[in-house]
Protein backbone atom coordinates (compact mmCIF):
# COMPACT_ATOMS: atom_id res chain seq x y z
CA MET A 1 162.93 -12.10 55.31
CA LEU A 2 164.73 -11.59 58.53
CA GLY A 3 165.37 -8.18 60.04
CA VAL A 4 162.77 -6.36 57.99
CA GLY A 5 160.18 -6.06 60.73
CA GLY A 6 156.43 -6.24 60.49
CA SER A 7 154.30 -9.35 60.71
CA ARG A 8 155.05 -12.51 58.84
CA LYS A 9 152.61 -14.52 56.81
CA ASN A 10 153.12 -17.99 55.44
CA LEU A 11 152.24 -17.71 51.79
CA GLY A 12 151.13 -20.59 49.66
CA ARG A 13 152.52 -21.34 46.23
CA GLU A 14 149.61 -19.62 44.48
CA ALA A 15 150.02 -16.41 46.50
CA LEU A 16 153.76 -16.35 45.82
CA ARG A 17 153.02 -16.48 42.11
CA GLY A 18 150.50 -13.64 42.22
CA GLY A 19 147.29 -15.53 42.93
CA GLY A 20 144.70 -14.59 45.52
CA ARG A 21 143.41 -11.18 46.65
CA GLY A 22 142.54 -9.95 43.20
CA GLY A 23 145.49 -11.62 41.51
CA ARG A 24 148.09 -9.76 43.56
CA VAL A 25 149.46 -10.43 47.04
CA GLY A 26 149.47 -6.73 47.87
CA GLY A 27 146.33 -5.96 45.93
CA GLY A 28 146.17 -3.32 43.20
CA LEU A 29 146.72 -3.68 39.48
CA ASP A 30 149.01 -6.20 37.89
CA PRO A 31 151.89 -4.88 35.73
CA GLN A 32 150.07 -5.56 32.46
CA ALA A 33 147.03 -3.61 33.62
CA GLN A 34 149.25 -0.72 34.72
CA LYS A 35 150.92 -0.68 31.31
CA ARG A 36 147.57 -0.70 29.49
CA GLU A 37 146.32 2.17 31.64
CA LEU A 38 149.48 4.20 31.01
CA LEU A 39 149.27 3.65 27.25
CA ARG A 40 145.59 4.64 27.25
CA LYS A 41 146.38 7.90 29.05
CA LEU A 42 149.25 8.71 26.68
CA GLN A 43 147.06 8.05 23.64
CA GLU A 44 144.31 10.30 25.02
CA LYS A 45 146.81 13.13 25.55
CA ARG A 46 148.16 12.75 22.01
CA GLN A 47 144.66 12.82 20.53
CA GLN A 48 143.80 15.92 22.55
CA ARG A 49 146.94 17.70 21.34
CA ARG A 50 146.13 16.80 17.73
CA ARG A 51 142.62 18.16 18.10
CA GLU A 52 143.94 21.40 19.59
CA GLY A 53 146.51 21.68 16.80
CA ASP A 54 143.89 21.14 14.09
CA THR A 55 141.62 23.86 15.46
CA ALA A 56 144.40 26.42 15.90
CA GLU A 57 144.83 28.93 13.09
CA PRO A 58 148.17 28.80 11.29
CA SER A 59 150.39 31.79 11.98
CA ALA A 60 151.74 33.66 8.98
C-alpha cells in the first residue's frame, strides 16, 4: 500500500493466504483458534456461576 509508511516486504502467495510464521503473517492465533479460546472461557464462566448458584442457600 502506498502512503502508509513503514517497511515493505514482498510476500509470496502462501504468506498472503496465511501461511508461514506459525500460519499467520503477523503471528498470533488464527481466527478459529481465537473463537475456540473465547468459547472455552465463556463456558468456564457459566460453569462457575452454576456451581456458585447450586451451593448458595435459597432465600425464603
